[in-house]
Amino acid sequence: MSPDRFRTIRLGLGLTQEELAKALGLGKKTVTQYEIGFRKPGATVAIIMSVLGSLPEPRAKEFLELLRSHAEKLESESSRRR
């Protein structure tokens, strides 16, 4: 996925880099690096972004909320184990 396509999808959903990062369980710096082409997203992130880009906006936002809730749950579980 090209940096421009990644950014276009994010902007089309009206998200900041920080909001997208949180939904994907990533850091804001990682999203920034994807968008400037410093790093390439792995297959999983590229697939998620491709799906988000293909869905109507309301469905994409539902999917993002689902991703965000699962990312937060996993982060919380990980914090408790430490």
C-alpha atoms as a PDB file:
ATOM      1  CA  MET A   1       0.000   0.000   0.000  1.00  0.00           C
ATOM      2  CA  SER A   2       1.400   3.367  -0.990  1.00  0.00           C
ATOM      3  CA  PRO A   3       1.879   6.125   1.589  1.00  0.00           C
ATOM      4  CA  ASP A   4      -0.592   8.316  -0.340  1.00  0.00           C
ATOM      5  CA  ARG A   5      -3.268   5.599  -0.340  1.00  0.00           C
ATOM      6  CA  PHE A   6      -2.778   5.015   3.387  1.00  0.00           C
ATOM      7  CA  ARG A   7      -3.170   8.726   4.112  1.00  0.00           C
ATOM      8  CA  THR A   8      -6.137   9.110   1.740  1.00  0.00           C
ATOM      9  CA  ILE A   9      -8.031   6.334   3.521  1.00  0.00           C
ATOM     10  CA  ARG A  10      -7.324   7.866   6.936  1.00  0.00           C
ATOM     11  CA  LEU A  11      -8.382  11.327   5.841  1.00  0.00           C
ATOM     12  CA  GLY A  12     -11.476   9.946   4.106  1.00  0.00           C
ATOM     13  CA  LEU A  13     -12.573   8.574   7.461  1.00  0.00           C
ATOM     14  CA  GLY A  14     -11.942  11.904   9.142  1.00  0.00           C
ATOM     15  CA  LEU A  15      -9.340  10.482  11.505  1.00  0.00           C
ATOM     16  CA  THR A  16      -6.198  11.985  12.939  1.00  0.00           C
ATOM     17  CA  GLN A  17      -3.026   9.925  12.865  1.00  0.00           C
ATOM     18  CA  GLU A  18      -3.404   9.408  16.603  1.00  0.00           C
ATOM     19  CA  GLU A  19      -6.998   8.158  16.291  1.00  0.00           C
ATOM     20  CA  LEU A  20      -6.072   5.680  13.568  1.00  0.00           C
ATOM     21  CA  ALA A  21      -3.026   4.529  15.498  1.00  0.00           C
ATOM     22  CA  LYS A  22      -5.135   3.838  18.578  1.00  0.00           C
ATOM     23  CA  ALA A  23      -7.697   1.870  16.559  1.00  0.00           C
ATOM     24  CA  LEU A  24      -4.953  -0.253  14.991  1.00  0.00           C
ATOM     25  CA  GLY A  25      -3.024  -0.733  18.222  1.00  0.00           C
ATOM     26  CA  LEU A  26      -0.064   1.233  16.844  1.00  0.00           C
ATOM     27  CA  GLY A  27       1.846   4.303  17.884  1.00  0.00           C
ATOM     28  CA  LYS A  28       1.218   7.647  16.180  1.00  0.00           C
ATOM     29  CA  LYS A  29       4.855   7.666  15.050  1.00  0.00           C
ATOM     30  CA  THR A  30       4.287   4.410  13.144  1.00  0.00           C
ATOM     31  CA  VAL A  31       1.295   5.857  11.282  1.00  0.00           C
ATOM     32  CA  THR A  32       3.345   8.963  10.451  1.00  0.00           C
ATOM     33  CA  GLN A  33       6.138   6.768   9.115  1.00  0.00           C
ATOM     34  CA  TYR A  34       3.682   4.829   6.930  1.00  0.00           C
ATOM     35  CA  GLU A  35       2.335   8.071   5.487  1.00  0.00           C
ATOM     36  CA  ILE A  36       5.729   9.548   4.635  1.00  0.00           C
ATOM     37  CA  GLY A  37       6.988   6.274   3.212  1.00  0.00           C
ATOM     38  CA  PHE A  38       9.674   5.708   5.845  1.00  0.00           C
ATOM     39  CA  ARG A  39       8.086   2.351   6.728  1.00  0.00           C
ATOM     40  CA  LYS A  40       5.695   0.059   4.914  1.00  0.00           C
ATOM     41  CA  PRO A  41       2.709  -1.352   6.769  1.00  0.00           C
ATOM     42  CA  GLY A  42       2.798  -5.093   7.298  1.00  0.00           C
ATOM     43  CA  ALA A  43       0.317  -7.330   5.551  1.00  0.00           C
ATOM     44  CA  THR A  44      -2.243  -7.230   8.363  1.00  0.00           C
ATOM     45  CA  VAL A  45      -2.333  -3.421   8.585  1.00  0.00           C
ATOM     46  CA  ALA A  46      -2.379  -3.107   4.792  1.00  0.00           C
ATOM     47  CA  ILE A  47      -5.347  -5.504   4.591  1.00  0.00           C
ATOM     48  CA  ILE A  48      -7.232  -3.648   7.325  1.00  0.00           C
ATOM     49  CA  MET A  49      -6.630  -0.318   5.594  1.00  0.00           C
ATOM     50  CA  SER A  50      -7.705  -1.778   2.252  1.00  0.00           C
ATOM     51  CA  VAL A  51     -10.935  -3.068   3.810  1.00  0.00           C
ATOM     52  CA  LEU A  52     -11.541   0.309   5.480  1.00  0.00           C
ATOM     53  CA  GLY A  53     -11.020   2.037   2.147  1.00  0.00           C
ATOM     54  CA  SER A  54     -13.547  -0.212   0.425  1.00  0.00           C
ATOM     55  CA  LEU A  55     -16.368   0.073   2.961  1.00  0.00           C
ATOM     56  CA  PRO A  56     -19.031   2.772   3.025  1.00  0.00           C
ATOM     57  CA  GLU A  57     -18.056   5.313   5.700  1.00  0.00           C
ATOM     58  CA  PRO A  58     -20.648   4.242   8.323  1.00  0.00           C
ATOM     59  CA  ARG A  59     -19.545   0.592   8.079  1.00  0.00           C
ATOM     60  CA  ALA A  60     -15.863   1.581   8.122  1.00  0.00           C
ATOM     61  CA  LYS A  61     -16.422   3.586  11.307  1.00  0.00           C
ATOM     62  CA  GLU A  62     -18.212   0.610  12.918  1.00  0.00           C
ATOM     63  CA  PHE A  63     -15.266  -1.595  11.975  1.00  0.00           C
ATOM     64  CA  LEU A  64     -12.829   0.978  13.379  1.00  0.00           C
ATOM     65  CA  GLU A  65     -14.718   1.060  16.668  1.00  0.00           C
ATOM     66  CA  LEU A  66     -14.545  -2.715  16.847  1.00  0.00           C
ATOM     67  CA  LEU A  67     -10.797  -2.599  16.180  1.00  0.00           C
ATOM     68  CA  ARG A  68     -10.304   0.133  18.770  1.00  0.00           C
ATOM     69  CA  SER A  69     -12.194  -1.767  21.474  1.00  0.00           C
ATOM     70  CA  HIS A  70     -10.205  -4.947  20.833  1.00  0.00           C
ATOM     71  CA  ALA A  71      -6.893  -3.064  20.776  1.00  0.00           C
ATOM     72  CA  GLU A  72      -7.740  -1.451  24.120  1.00  0.00           C
ATOM     73  CA  LYS A  73      -8.768  -4.800  25.590  1.00  0.00           C
ATOM     74  CA  LEU A  74      -5.528  -6.445  24.491  1.00  0.00           C
ATOM     75  CA  GLU A  75      -3.477  -3.542  25.816  1.00  0.00           C
ATOM     76  CA  SER A  76      -5.280  -3.722  29.160  1.00  0.00           C
ATOM     77  CA  GLU A  77      -4.709  -7.486  29.422  1.00  0.00           C
ATOM     78  CA  SER A  78      -1.059  -7.033  28.557  1.00  0.00           C
ATOM     79  CA  SER A  79      -0.641  -4.343  31.233  1.00  0.00           C
ATOM     80  CA  ARG A  80      -2.120  -6.577  33.916  1.00  0.00           C
ATOM     81  CA  ARG A  81       0.365  -9.374  33.155  1.00  0.00           C
ATOM     82  CA  ARG A  82       3.377  -7.156  33.787  1.00  0.00           C
END
